[in-house]
Amino acid sequence: MNPVRLFGIETEYGIAREDCETADPVVESMELVRAYLDGHFTHRWDYRGEHPHEDQRGFRVAELAQDQEEDLFAEQDAHRPFSFHEMKSDLVLPNGARLYNDHTHPEYSTPECRSLKDIVAHDRAGEQILRIAAQRRNQVLGGPVVQLYKNNTDFHGHSYGCHDNYLVSREINFENLVRGLMPFLVSRQLIAGAGKVGREAQERGFVPGGFQLSQRADFMEAELGVDTMHNRPILNTRDEPHANRERYRRLHLIVGDANMCEYATALKIGTTRVVLDMIAGGLLPPCELDSPVQAIRALSRDPELKTAVKRQTGGTISGLEIQREYVNLARKIFIEMDEETAWILQEWENVLEMLERDRGQLIGKIDWVTKQWLLESFIQEERISWDDPWLASLDLEYHNLDSQRGLFFGLEAEGRMTRMCQEHEIHEAMKHGPFDTRGGLRGLCVQRFGEDITSIQWEGVHF
């Protein structure tokens, strides 16, 4: 079995101007990214390696659901006083990460990582980098009017993503990837959901009331597909390996939530990596779901974890049972394992046990559990109900990157959050990429030869 040990996270951040309701979000996102720019960064991103219409199922899609919207964006951008490259403001940072304007959202893509400690540190480094950019932008604007949110919804029917990516051997049959991953991804929200008040639908607004596990589940509309903005699939099939196409795939997962808890980030990436190792070894859990799209929503909307979804072969199964099938199979095949894999399996089992028996122990580890506890405490104190609009505001503030306003950071300052890396490791990740991946080399090129770079992208640097 060849273990998959290369992964990264792309996070689109929500952005708001509190002093101006008519502010152009495209320009605001651009200005925020540019606020972080100084002489150490290169902005010569090469877009020629991006092919969003290529499908891993072996064909090229003629048109994406979002193509018409992209055409509209291009028409709108033509009336803005900026060039294409100014609008994108595409930066490659000294740590090998990418920071750019994804039209209405600043997006941070970590460098490629091989260890959970590295991916957590670089994800947190992204938060700090965006926080610095916001501080610099606010200095120009004369006050703390720009706010950033590491979440996945604006509570008005619009979702933005947090995508986890994995290097996978092209030798693995794609149908086996789908069969092996689908039930896992549907139920992964139990351990990696960010939690959300109310319900939403794409561009159809927000309905208050109740609490669910995932911020993205409401927006999943298909099992498979190459789209990322409309008709969103649980398993994205876009074929952009950003590596040797003959040897590798890039598994691009758009189903996940943006996590604040370091522990949840580590477990999300770690368990997915273990499942991919299992599939690479030819092992598929004996569970296929009848309707994954219905199932992911049903599981999300039941924080009591009692809901059972239909199996393809008949009968039903709960989200906890799905996850247990995976971890139990992993226990059977991983006899001798490295320290990181041992940690993943042990913590995976612990979380499933605590979700069933003592959920309070997961406060500070799992985002949806932490947020639910926080909101329930507020409901009791203020004597309000789950449909009170106040709760959606608190939900949003849990994800606020402002360390003085963000509810997560208040809990972290109190020592309630389980840490996977230290502050000095986060600061190191802001400056340098991992020493054992091409991300570190990319960052080193930017540090030492930034002025000599003519173009740069994930696969290479050109001088």
Protein backbone atom coordinates (compact mmCIF):
# COMPACT_ATOMS: atom_id res chain seq x y z
CA MET A 1 0.00 0.00 0.00
CA ASN A 2 1.41 3.40 -1.02
CA PRO A 3 0.18 5.90 1.58
CA VAL A 4 -1.18 9.25 0.43
CA ARG A 5 0.79 11.86 2.31
CA LEU A 6 0.40 15.12 0.42
CA PHE A 7 -2.49 17.45 1.11
CA GLY A 8 -3.53 21.08 1.32
CA ILE A 9 -6.47 23.32 2.20
CA GLU A 10 -8.01 26.19 0.21
CA THR A 11 -10.16 28.58 2.26
CA GLU A 12 -12.40 31.31 0.89
CA TYR A 13 -13.04 33.91 3.58
CA GLY A 14 -16.23 35.90 4.00
CA ILE A 15 -15.66 39.65 3.90
CA ALA A 16 -17.88 42.55 5.02
CA ARG A 17 -17.63 46.35 5.20
CA GLU A 18 -19.55 47.48 8.27
CA ASP A 19 -19.47 51.16 7.35
CA CYS A 20 -20.80 50.86 3.80
CA GLU A 21 -23.63 48.56 2.71
CA THR A 22 -23.06 49.43 -0.96
CA ALA A 23 -19.36 48.53 -0.99
CA ASP A 24 -18.28 46.47 -4.01
CA PRO A 25 -17.28 43.04 -2.58
CA VAL A 26 -15.02 42.35 -5.57
CA VAL A 27 -13.04 45.52 -5.00
CA GLU A 28 -13.02 45.03 -1.23
CA SER A 29 -11.60 41.54 -1.60
CA MET A 30 -9.00 42.80 -4.07
CA GLU A 31 -7.97 45.68 -1.81
CA LEU A 32 -7.66 43.38 1.18
CA VAL A 33 -5.34 40.98 -0.65
CA ARG A 34 -3.27 43.87 -1.98
CA ALA A 35 -2.99 45.26 1.55
CA TYR A 36 -0.76 42.32 2.40
CA LEU A 37 1.54 42.89 -0.59
CA ASP A 38 5.10 44.03 -0.08
CA GLY A 39 8.41 43.57 -1.89
CA HIS A 40 8.84 39.95 -0.83
CA PHE A 41 5.93 38.52 -2.82
CA THR A 42 5.56 37.72 -6.49
CA HIS A 43 2.31 38.29 -8.40
CA ARG A 44 3.02 36.44 -11.63
CA TRP A 45 0.66 33.50 -11.29
CA ASP A 46 0.49 31.32 -14.42
CA TYR A 47 -3.13 30.38 -15.22
CA ARG A 48 -2.27 28.16 -18.19
CA GLY A 49 -2.22 25.04 -16.01
CA GLU A 50 -5.84 25.44 -14.92
CA HIS A 51 -8.40 23.32 -16.79
CA PRO A 52 -11.70 23.36 -14.86
CA HIS A 53 -13.64 21.57 -17.63
CA GLU A 54 -11.57 18.37 -17.44
CA ASP A 55 -13.40 15.53 -15.66
CA GLN A 56 -11.72 12.61 -13.86
CA ARG A 57 -14.28 10.28 -15.38
CA GLY A 58 -12.41 10.59 -18.67
CA PHE A 59 -14.08 13.40 -20.60
CA ARG A 60 -14.17 17.16 -20.97
CA VAL A 61 -17.31 19.01 -19.93
CA ALA A 62 -18.53 21.40 -22.62
CA GLU A 63 -19.98 23.89 -20.15
CA LEU A 64 -19.94 24.37 -16.40
CA ALA A 65 -23.03 25.50 -14.52
CA GLN A 66 -21.06 28.57 -13.44
CA ASP A 67 -19.78 29.55 -16.91
CA GLN A 68 -22.64 31.97 -17.51
CA GLU A 69 -22.02 33.56 -14.13
CA GLU A 70 -18.30 33.82 -14.92
CA ASP A 71 -19.18 35.57 -18.20
CA LEU A 72 -21.35 37.99 -16.24
CA PHE A 73 -18.49 38.58 -13.80
CA ALA A 74 -16.15 39.31 -16.73
CA GLU A 75 -18.65 41.81 -18.14
CA GLN A 76 -18.94 43.53 -14.77
CA ASP A 77 -15.17 43.56 -14.31
CA ALA A 78 -14.77 45.28 -17.67
CA HIS A 79 -16.46 48.33 -16.14
CA ARG A 80 -14.10 48.40 -13.16
CA PRO A 81 -10.91 50.50 -13.47
CA PHE A 82 -8.59 47.53 -12.95
CA SER A 83 -6.82 45.02 -15.17
CA PHE A 84 -7.43 41.28 -14.87
CA HIS A 85 -4.20 40.80 -12.92
CA GLU A 86 -5.03 43.70 -10.64
CA MET A 87 -8.45 42.20 -9.95
CA LYS A 88 -7.01 38.78 -9.12
CA SER A 89 -4.12 40.25 -7.10
CA ASP A 90 -2.61 36.77 -7.17
CA LEU A 91 0.24 36.46 -4.67
CA VAL A 92 2.60 33.61 -3.94
CA LEU A 93 3.94 34.05 -0.42
CA PRO A 94 7.34 33.22 1.08
CA ASN A 95 5.82 30.16 2.78
CA GLY A 96 4.77 28.70 -0.60
CA ALA A 97 1.09 29.54 -0.11
CA ARG A 98 -1.16 31.34 -2.57
CA LEU A 99 -3.28 34.36 -1.59
CA TYR A 100 -5.62 35.89 -4.15
CA ASN A 101 -8.99 37.47 -4.83
CA ASP A 102 -11.47 34.76 -5.82
CA HIS A 103 -13.78 37.43 -7.19
CA THR A 104 -15.76 38.26 -4.03
CA HIS A 105 -13.69 36.40 -1.45
CA PRO A 106 -10.05 36.53 -0.43
CA GLU A 107 -8.75 32.97 -0.72
CA TYR A 108 -5.76 31.42 1.02
CA SER A 109 -4.33 28.14 -0.25
CA THR A 110 -1.81 26.44 2.02
CA PRO A 111 1.39 25.02 0.58
CA GLU A 112 1.43 21.27 0.11
CA CYS A 113 1.92 19.45 3.43
CA ARG A 114 2.86 15.90 4.45
CA SER A 115 2.01 15.93 8.17
CA LEU A 116 -1.04 16.89 10.20
CA LYS A 117 1.03 19.23 12.35
CA ASP A 118 2.17 21.08 9.23
CA ILE A 119 -1.30 21.36 7.69
CA VAL A 120 -2.79 22.67 10.93
CA ALA A 121 0.03 25.18 11.37
CA HIS A 122 -0.30 26.42 7.78
CA ASP A 123 -4.09 26.65 8.03
CA ARG A 124 -3.70 28.77 11.16
CA ALA A 125 -0.95 30.78 9.44
CA GLY A 126 -3.51 31.63 6.77
CA GLU A 127 -5.82 33.04 9.43
CA GLN A 128 -3.04 35.22 10.78
CA ILE A 129 -2.02 36.42 7.32
CA LEU A 130 -5.62 37.39 6.50
CA ARG A 131 -5.91 39.09 9.90
CA ILE A 132 -2.82 41.19 9.16
CA ALA A 133 -4.21 42.09 5.73
CA ALA A 134 -7.47 43.23 7.36
CA GLN A 135 -5.59 45.30 9.93
CA ARG A 136 -3.60 47.04 7.19
CA ARG A 137 -6.72 47.66 5.14
CA ASN A 138 -8.51 49.08 8.18
CA GLN A 139 -5.61 51.44 8.83
CA VAL A 140 -6.20 52.90 5.37
CA LEU A 141 -9.96 53.13 5.97
CA GLY A 142 -9.52 54.76 9.37
CA GLY A 143 -11.16 52.15 11.60
CA PRO A 144 -12.07 48.48 12.10
CA VAL A 145 -14.73 48.44 9.38
CA VAL A 146 -13.55 45.42 7.37
CA GLN A 147 -14.39 42.10 9.01
CA LEU A 148 -13.31 38.64 7.86
CA TYR A 149 -15.05 35.35 8.60
CA LYS A 150 -13.65 31.85 8.30
CA ASN A 151 -17.00 30.22 7.63
CA ASN A 152 -19.06 28.99 4.66
CA THR A 153 -22.24 31.05 4.53
CA ASP A 154 -23.45 34.64 4.55
CA PHE A 155 -26.86 33.51 5.94
CA HIS A 156 -28.51 34.90 2.80
CA GLY A 157 -28.37 31.77 0.65
CA HIS A 158 -24.78 32.10 -0.57
CA SER A 159 -22.03 29.64 0.27
CA TYR A 160 -18.27 29.84 -0.16
CA GLY A 161 -15.91 26.96 0.24
CA CYS A 162 -13.16 25.32 2.21
CA HIS A 163 -11.64 22.68 -0.07
CA ASP A 164 -9.31 19.93 1.09
CA ASN A 165 -7.01 18.42 -1.53
CA TYR A 166 -5.08 15.14 -1.66
CA LEU A 167 -2.52 13.67 -4.04
CA VAL A 168 -3.82 10.29 -5.24
CA SER A 169 -2.23 7.73 -7.53
CA ARG A 170 -3.76 7.62 -11.01
CA GLU A 171 -3.57 3.81 -10.70
CA ILE A 172 -6.52 3.84 -8.29
CA ASN A 173 -9.74 3.14 -10.17
CA PHE A 174 -11.90 6.26 -10.01
CA GLU A 175 -15.07 4.25 -9.43
CA ASN A 176 -13.42 2.72 -6.38
CA LEU A 177 -12.59 6.20 -5.13
CA VAL A 178 -16.25 7.16 -5.44
CA ARG A 179 -17.54 3.97 -3.80
CA GLY A 180 -15.03 4.17 -0.99
CA LEU A 181 -15.35 7.87 -0.27
CA MET A 182 -19.04 8.69 -0.72
CA PRO A 183 -20.46 7.29 2.57
CA PHE A 184 -17.45 8.62 4.45
CA LEU A 185 -17.84 12.15 3.07
CA VAL A 186 -21.58 12.15 3.74
CA SER A 187 -20.94 11.33 7.40
CA ARG A 188 -17.61 13.13 7.92
CA GLN A 189 -19.55 16.15 9.17
CA LEU A 190 -20.02 14.34 12.49
CA ILE A 191 -16.35 14.92 13.25
CA ALA A 192 -15.60 17.95 11.07
CA GLY A 193 -18.80 19.99 10.77
CA ALA A 194 -18.57 23.67 11.75
CA GLY A 195 -22.20 23.84 12.92
CA LYS A 196 -24.88 26.23 11.71
CA VAL A 197 -28.05 27.90 12.93
CA GLY A 198 -31.06 27.53 10.62
CA ARG A 199 -31.35 26.24 7.06
CA GLU A 200 -30.48 27.63 3.64
CA ALA A 201 -30.76 26.92 -0.05
CA GLN A 202 -28.70 28.25 -2.95
CA GLU A 203 -29.80 31.86 -3.55
CA ARG A 204 -33.16 31.20 -1.87
CA GLY A 205 -32.33 32.71 1.46
CA PHE A 206 -32.09 31.72 5.08
CA VAL A 207 -34.71 30.14 7.33
CA PRO A 208 -34.02 30.58 11.07
CA GLY A 209 -34.58 27.91 13.68
CA GLY A 210 -32.79 24.80 14.83
CA PHE A 211 -29.16 23.79 14.62
CA GLN A 212 -27.29 21.52 12.23
CA LEU A 213 -23.84 19.98 12.00
CA SER A 214 -22.59 21.35 8.68
CA GLN A 215 -22.53 24.73 6.96
CA ARG A 216 -22.11 23.14 3.52
CA ALA A 217 -24.67 20.31 3.61
CA ASP A 218 -27.57 22.59 2.60
CA PHE A 219 -25.68 23.49 -0.58
CA MET A 220 -24.80 19.98 -1.80
CA GLU A 221 -26.97 19.23 -4.85
CA ALA A 222 -25.26 16.35 -6.69
CA GLU A 223 -23.22 13.24 -5.96
CA LEU A 224 -20.57 13.85 -8.64
CA GLY A 225 -19.62 16.74 -10.90
CA VAL A 226 -16.97 19.26 -11.91
CA ASP A 227 -18.87 22.36 -10.77
CA THR A 228 -17.95 24.17 -7.57
CA MET A 229 -20.28 27.19 -7.46
CA HIS A 230 -23.60 25.75 -8.67
CA ASN A 231 -24.99 22.21 -8.62
CA ARG A 232 -22.27 21.50 -6.06
CA PRO A 233 -21.25 17.82 -5.80
CA ILE A 234 -20.35 15.84 -2.70
CA LEU A 235 -17.36 14.49 -4.63
CA ASN A 236 -15.86 16.91 -7.12
CA THR A 237 -14.59 15.25 -10.31
CA ARG A 238 -12.51 18.11 -11.72
CA ASP A 239 -9.27 16.74 -13.17
CA GLU A 240 -6.55 19.27 -12.43
CA PRO A 241 -3.75 17.23 -10.85
CA HIS A 242 -1.22 20.09 -10.67
CA ALA A 243 1.31 17.27 -10.97
CA ASN A 244 2.33 14.59 -13.47
CA ARG A 245 -1.01 13.76 -15.11
CA GLU A 246 0.12 10.26 -16.06
CA ARG A 247 0.85 9.31 -12.46
CA TYR A 248 -1.41 11.36 -10.20
CA ARG A 249 -4.84 12.74 -9.52
CA ARG A 250 -5.69 15.63 -7.23
CA LEU A 251 -8.73 14.75 -5.16
CA HIS A 252 -10.48 18.11 -4.76
CA LEU A 253 -13.13 17.93 -2.03
CA ILE A 254 -15.54 20.87 -1.77
CA VAL A 255 -17.97 19.23 0.66
CA GLY A 256 -16.19 20.22 3.87
CA ASP A 257 -16.64 23.09 6.31
CA ALA A 258 -14.04 25.66 7.33
CA ASN A 259 -12.85 24.60 10.77
CA MET A 260 -11.77 26.88 13.59
CA CYS A 261 -10.77 24.04 15.93
CA GLU A 262 -7.26 22.76 15.22
CA TYR A 263 -8.23 19.28 16.40
CA ALA A 264 -11.12 19.13 13.92
CA THR A 265 -8.85 20.21 11.07
CA ALA A 266 -6.34 17.49 11.95
CA LEU A 267 -9.02 14.82 12.26
CA LYS A 268 -10.74 15.88 9.02
CA ILE A 269 -7.55 15.64 7.00
CA GLY A 270 -6.22 12.64 8.89
CA THR A 271 -9.30 10.43 8.61
CA THR A 272 -9.67 11.26 4.92
CA ARG A 273 -6.04 10.34 4.35
CA VAL A 274 -6.57 7.00 6.12
CA VAL A 275 -9.64 6.24 3.99
CA LEU A 276 -7.63 7.00 0.85
CA ASP A 277 -4.90 4.64 2.07
CA MET A 278 -7.56 1.94 2.50
CA ILE A 279 -8.92 2.49 -1.01
CA ALA A 280 -5.39 2.46 -2.44
CA GLY A 281 -4.99 -0.95 -0.84
CA GLY A 282 -8.13 -2.22 -2.57
CA LEU A 283 -10.35 -2.16 0.53
CA LEU A 284 -13.85 -0.67 0.33
CA PRO A 285 -16.16 -0.44 3.35
CA PRO A 286 -19.34 -2.51 2.82
CA CYS A 287 -21.66 0.47 2.86
CA GLU A 288 -23.29 2.25 -0.08
CA LEU A 289 -26.02 4.84 0.39
CA ASP A 290 -29.25 5.02 -1.58
CA SER A 291 -29.30 8.82 -1.88
CA PRO A 292 -26.12 10.55 -0.68
CA VAL A 293 -27.47 14.08 -1.30
CA GLN A 294 -30.55 13.46 0.82
CA ALA A 295 -28.43 11.66 3.39
CA ILE A 296 -25.90 14.46 3.87
CA ARG A 297 -28.70 16.93 4.56
CA ALA A 298 -30.62 14.57 6.83
CA LEU A 299 -27.55 13.81 8.94
CA SER A 300 -26.64 17.49 9.17
CA ARG A 301 -30.07 18.48 10.43
CA ASP A 302 -30.04 16.03 13.33
CA PRO A 303 -27.57 17.13 16.03
CA GLU A 304 -28.94 14.33 18.22
CA LEU A 305 -27.35 11.88 15.73
CA LYS A 306 -30.37 9.58 15.76
CA THR A 307 -31.25 9.85 12.05
CA ALA A 308 -30.72 6.75 9.93
CA VAL A 309 -30.33 6.99 6.14
CA LYS A 310 -31.10 4.37 3.51
CA ARG A 311 -28.55 1.86 2.33
CA GLN A 312 -28.45 1.04 -1.36
CA THR A 313 -28.96 -2.66 -0.57
CA GLY A 314 -31.84 -2.05 1.82
CA GLY A 315 -32.07 -1.17 5.47
CA THR A 316 -30.79 1.95 7.16
CA ILE A 317 -27.65 3.15 8.88
CA SER A 318 -26.80 6.12 11.11
CA GLY A 319 -23.95 8.54 10.63
CA LEU A 320 -22.15 7.12 13.67
CA GLU A 321 -22.52 3.60 12.29
CA ILE A 322 -21.08 4.67 8.92
CA GLN A 323 -18.05 6.20 10.59
CA ARG A 324 -17.58 3.12 12.77
CA GLU A 325 -17.58 0.86 9.71
CA TYR A 326 -14.66 2.85 8.35
CA VAL A 327 -12.60 3.02 11.53
CA ASN A 328 -13.23 -0.66 12.32
CA LEU A 329 -11.99 -1.67 8.87
CA ALA A 330 -8.97 0.58 9.30
CA ARG A 331 -8.17 -1.13 12.60
CA LYS A 332 -8.12 -4.50 10.84
CA ILE A 333 -5.64 -3.49 8.16
CA PHE A 334 -3.34 -1.03 9.94
CA ILE A 335 -1.47 -3.44 12.19
CA GLU A 336 1.94 -1.80 12.09
CA MET A 337 1.62 1.94 11.68
CA ASP A 338 3.47 5.20 12.10
CA GLU A 339 2.80 7.51 15.03
CA GLU A 340 0.54 9.85 13.08
CA THR A 341 -1.71 7.06 11.78
CA ALA A 342 -1.93 5.60 15.29
CA TRP A 343 -3.06 9.01 16.58
CA ILE A 344 -5.68 9.33 13.84
CA LEU A 345 -7.26 5.95 14.55
CA GLN A 346 -7.23 6.41 18.33
CA GLU A 347 -8.75 9.89 18.20
CA TRP A 348 -11.27 8.85 15.55
CA GLU A 349 -12.52 6.09 17.85
CA ASN A 350 -12.51 8.41 20.86
CA VAL A 351 -14.58 11.05 19.10
CA LEU A 352 -17.21 8.56 17.94
CA GLU A 353 -17.44 7.20 21.48
CA MET A 354 -17.78 10.67 23.01
CA LEU A 355 -20.36 11.77 20.45
CA GLU A 356 -22.54 8.94 21.66
CA ARG A 357 -21.83 8.97 25.40
CA ASP A 358 -20.28 12.23 26.62
CA ARG A 359 -20.38 14.99 24.04
CA GLY A 360 -19.25 17.64 26.50
CA GLN A 361 -15.71 16.27 26.30
CA LEU A 362 -15.58 17.42 22.67
CA ILE A 363 -16.06 21.11 23.49
CA GLY A 364 -12.91 22.79 22.18
CA LYS A 365 -12.18 19.91 19.81
CA ILE A 366 -15.11 19.66 17.39
CA ASP A 367 -16.54 22.92 16.04
CA TRP A 368 -20.22 22.00 15.83
CA VAL A 369 -20.22 20.63 19.37
CA THR A 370 -18.42 23.72 20.66
CA LYS A 371 -20.75 26.11 18.85
CA GLN A 372 -23.88 24.25 19.94
CA TRP A 373 -22.74 24.40 23.57
CA LEU A 374 -21.98 28.12 23.23
CA LEU A 375 -25.36 28.92 21.67
CA GLU A 376 -27.32 26.76 24.10
CA SER A 377 -25.64 28.58 26.99
CA PHE A 378 -26.68 31.89 25.45
CA ILE A 379 -30.25 30.69 24.86
CA GLN A 380 -30.61 29.70 28.50
CA GLU A 381 -29.07 32.91 29.77
CA GLU A 382 -31.13 35.22 27.54
CA ARG A 383 -34.29 33.05 27.54
CA ILE A 384 -34.66 33.09 23.78
CA SER A 385 -35.51 30.37 21.24
CA TRP A 386 -33.56 28.80 18.36
CA ASP A 387 -35.39 30.95 15.80
CA ASP A 388 -34.18 34.21 17.35
CA PRO A 389 -32.14 36.15 14.70
CA TRP A 390 -29.63 36.97 17.42
CA LEU A 391 -28.28 33.43 17.14
CA ALA A 392 -27.33 33.76 13.46
CA SER A 393 -25.26 36.81 14.41
CA LEU A 394 -23.53 34.87 17.17
CA ASP A 395 -22.95 31.98 14.76
CA LEU A 396 -21.19 34.39 12.41
CA GLU A 397 -19.13 35.92 15.22
CA TYR A 398 -17.80 32.48 16.17
CA HIS A 399 -15.87 32.65 12.89
CA ASN A 400 -14.80 36.31 13.03
CA LEU A 401 -11.02 36.57 12.50
CA ASP A 402 -10.81 39.67 14.70
CA SER A 403 -9.22 38.27 17.84
CA GLN A 404 -11.06 40.86 19.94
CA ARG A 405 -14.49 40.03 18.53
CA GLY A 406 -14.33 36.42 17.37
CA LEU A 407 -16.06 34.10 19.85
CA PHE A 408 -13.71 31.25 18.98
CA PHE A 409 -10.68 33.33 19.90
CA GLY A 410 -12.28 34.30 23.20
CA LEU A 411 -12.63 30.63 24.07
CA GLU A 412 -9.09 29.97 22.89
CA ALA A 413 -7.75 32.76 25.10
CA GLU A 414 -9.51 31.09 28.04
CA GLY A 415 -7.65 27.85 27.29
CA ARG A 416 -10.78 25.93 26.27
CA MET A 417 -9.56 24.88 22.81
CA THR A 418 -7.40 21.82 22.20
CA ARG A 419 -4.20 22.89 20.47
CA MET A 420 -2.36 20.84 17.85
CA CYS A 421 0.44 23.34 17.28
CA GLN A 422 2.10 26.13 19.21
CA GLU A 423 2.12 29.84 18.40
CA HIS A 424 5.78 29.77 17.39
CA GLU A 425 4.98 26.99 14.89
CA ILE A 426 2.22 29.13 13.37
CA HIS A 427 4.57 32.10 13.05
CA GLU A 428 7.17 29.84 11.45
CA ALA A 429 4.52 28.62 8.98
CA MET A 430 3.80 32.23 8.04
CA LYS A 431 7.42 32.64 6.94
CA HIS A 432 8.46 29.25 5.55
CA GLY A 433 6.87 26.33 3.74
CA PRO A 434 7.25 22.68 4.78
CA PHE A 435 10.83 21.50 4.32
CA ASP A 436 9.73 18.21 2.73
CA THR A 437 7.38 19.35 -0.07
CA ARG A 438 7.61 21.43 -3.22
CA GLY A 439 5.67 24.12 -1.33
CA GLY A 440 8.75 24.82 0.75
CA LEU A 441 10.92 25.07 -2.36
CA ARG A 442 8.38 27.36 -4.03
CA GLY A 443 8.44 29.65 -1.01
CA LEU A 444 12.23 29.64 -0.95
CA CYS A 445 12.29 30.72 -4.60
CA VAL A 446 9.97 33.62 -3.77
CA GLN A 447 12.13 34.62 -0.81
CA ARG A 448 15.45 34.55 -2.64
CA PHE A 449 14.65 35.19 -6.29
CA GLY A 450 11.27 36.92 -6.29
CA GLU A 451 12.30 39.67 -8.70
CA ASP A 452 13.64 37.14 -11.20
CA ILE A 453 10.49 35.00 -11.40
CA THR A 454 8.61 35.38 -14.69
CA SER A 455 5.74 33.00 -13.87
CA ILE A 456 4.78 30.66 -11.07
CA GLN A 457 2.14 28.03 -10.32
CA TRP A 458 1.72 24.85 -8.30
CA GLU A 459 3.88 22.70 -10.58
CA GLY A 460 6.80 24.99 -11.23
CA VAL A 461 8.62 28.29 -11.04
CA HIS A 462 9.99 29.96 -14.18
CA PHE A 463 12.79 32.53 -14.28
